Protein backbone atom coordinates (compact mmCIF):
# COMPACT_ATOMS: atom_id res chain seq x y z
CA MET A 1 37.41 46.90 273.72
CA ASP A 2 37.08 47.10 270.66
CA LYS A 3 35.90 44.72 268.33
CA VAL A 4 37.54 41.66 268.66
CA GLY A 5 38.16 41.84 272.20
CA ARG A 6 41.55 43.57 272.29
CA MET A 7 42.52 46.87 275.61
CA SER A 8 42.06 50.10 273.69
CA ASN A 9 43.60 52.95 275.61
CA SER A 10 43.09 57.04 274.73
CA PHE A 11 46.11 59.42 274.81
CA ARG A 12 47.63 62.54 274.32
CA ALA A 13 51.04 63.25 272.41
CA ASN A 14 53.59 64.66 275.38
CA ALA A 15 55.08 66.60 272.55
CA ASP A 16 55.43 67.07 268.79
CA TYR A 17 56.92 64.10 266.48
CA THR A 18 57.11 64.01 262.86
CA VAL A 19 57.87 60.88 260.37
CA ILE A 20 60.57 61.43 258.24
CA ASP A 21 60.48 57.99 256.46
CA ARG A 22 57.87 58.54 253.98
CA ALA A 23 58.46 54.81 252.71
CA PRO A 24 57.50 52.73 255.40
CA LEU A 25 58.63 49.12 255.08
CA THR A 26 55.87 46.66 254.84
CA LEU A 27 56.48 43.40 255.91
CA LEU A 28 53.92 40.04 254.63
CA GLN A 29 54.36 36.64 256.20
CA GLY A 30 56.93 34.25 253.66
CA GLN A 31 58.72 37.62 252.97
CA PHE A 32 63.11 36.62 253.80
CA VAL A 33 64.89 39.56 255.23
CA ARG A 34 68.40 39.86 255.91
CA LEU A 35 68.70 40.49 259.85
CA GLY A 36 70.94 43.44 261.10
CA ARG A 37 71.74 44.75 264.37
CA ARG A 38 69.27 44.78 267.91
CA ASP A 39 68.21 48.20 269.01
CA ALA A 40 70.17 48.31 272.59
CA ASP A 41 67.70 51.46 273.62
CA TRP A 42 64.53 49.32 272.76
CA PRO A 43 65.32 45.41 273.25
CA GLY A 44 63.07 42.69 271.52
CA TRP A 45 63.31 44.97 268.23
CA VAL A 46 65.86 43.82 265.59
CA TRP A 47 67.57 45.65 262.64
CA VAL A 48 65.76 44.08 258.83
CA THR A 49 67.10 44.86 255.57
CA ALA A 50 64.70 43.81 252.94
CA GLU A 51 65.55 42.60 248.78
CA ASP A 52 64.34 46.10 247.97
CA GLY A 53 67.42 48.12 250.55
CA ARG A 54 64.82 49.11 252.75
CA GLY A 55 65.17 48.91 256.16
CA SER A 56 63.69 48.90 259.38
CA TYR A 57 62.98 47.89 262.78
CA VAL A 58 60.76 45.30 263.07
CA PRO A 59 59.55 43.28 267.07
CA GLU A 60 61.97 40.00 267.15
CA GLU A 61 58.91 37.74 267.14
CA VAL A 62 57.84 39.56 263.42
CA VAL A 63 61.17 37.03 261.83
CA LYS A 64 62.43 33.33 262.21
CA ALA A 65 65.85 33.56 261.93
CA THR A 66 66.62 30.95 258.68
CA THR A 67 70.52 30.85 257.83
CA GLY A 68 73.30 32.76 258.47
CA ASP A 69 72.19 36.88 258.33
CA GLN A 70 68.62 35.30 257.05
CA ALA A 71 65.32 35.60 258.31
CA GLU A 72 62.12 34.46 257.13
CA VAL A 73 58.70 37.12 258.00
CA VAL A 74 56.80 34.68 260.23
CA HIS A 75 54.17 37.84 260.89
CA PRO A 76 52.98 40.49 258.28
CA PHE A 77 54.51 43.71 260.25
CA GLN A 78 53.76 47.83 259.14
CA ALA A 79 56.41 50.12 260.31
CA HIS A 80 55.06 52.96 259.61
CA ASP A 81 55.34 56.10 262.02
CA LEU A 82 52.25 58.84 262.80
CA SER A 83 52.97 62.14 263.45
CA VAL A 84 51.54 63.47 266.53
CA LYS A 85 51.30 67.30 267.59
CA LYS A 86 51.68 68.04 271.32
CA GLY A 87 48.44 67.35 272.83
CA GLU A 88 47.01 65.55 270.34
CA ARG A 89 44.81 62.33 271.19
CA VAL A 90 45.24 59.18 270.05
CA THR A 91 43.85 55.74 270.54
CA SER A 92 46.19 53.13 271.21
CA LEU A 93 44.98 50.24 269.43
CA ARG A 94 47.71 47.79 270.29
CA GLU A 95 51.12 47.91 272.65
CA VAL A 96 54.30 45.98 271.35
CA LYS A 97 57.61 46.53 273.06
CA GLY A 98 57.25 50.10 274.24
CA TRP A 99 55.42 51.44 271.52
CA HIS A 100 51.81 51.88 270.38
CA TRP A 101 50.19 51.20 267.72
CA CYS A 102 48.13 54.56 267.54
CA ARG A 103 44.63 55.23 265.80
CA ASN A 104 44.34 59.52 265.53
CA GLU A 105 41.02 61.36 265.85
CA ALA A 106 41.90 61.91 261.64
CA GLY A 107 41.64 57.83 261.41
CA GLY A 108 45.54 57.96 260.23
CA GLU A 109 47.19 54.92 262.31
CA GLY A 110 51.24 53.87 262.50
CA TRP A 111 53.51 52.98 265.37
CA LEU A 112 53.95 55.63 268.18
CA PRO A 113 57.02 55.13 271.33
CA SER A 114 55.84 54.96 274.95
CA TYR A 115 57.59 57.43 276.27
CA LEU A 116 55.65 60.27 273.96
CA LEU A 117 51.66 59.28 275.23
CA VAL A 118 50.28 59.66 278.44
CA GLU A 119 46.82 58.50 279.28
CA ASP A 120 44.05 60.99 278.71
CA SER A 121 41.88 61.12 281.32
CA SER A 122 39.29 63.57 279.61
CA HIS A 123 38.18 60.55 277.17
């Protein structure tokens, strides 16, 4: 467990994963966004679009629908994925609906889908 009592798990990437989005969406509590479609492949994730036009899938509990297609951000969220190379070791700091917020050995952090991660028995 880490300093705040969350479980930390060591994994290795089973494939390369390269981040394409160089300007990931950051949502702040109290911010308003437009709701879009729910992700058919990742239940519990919904597309949101911020005022600046940037969008991302976020866990449903991050937003609360208000009126029409509008929602308020109730929990801050960073839609920042982490690039990894096959075999690279990462630590999962938390898991949310099939995605892990991971830290690599260089200290970089971001989201990785669970299908890219295999438990690292050597750590």
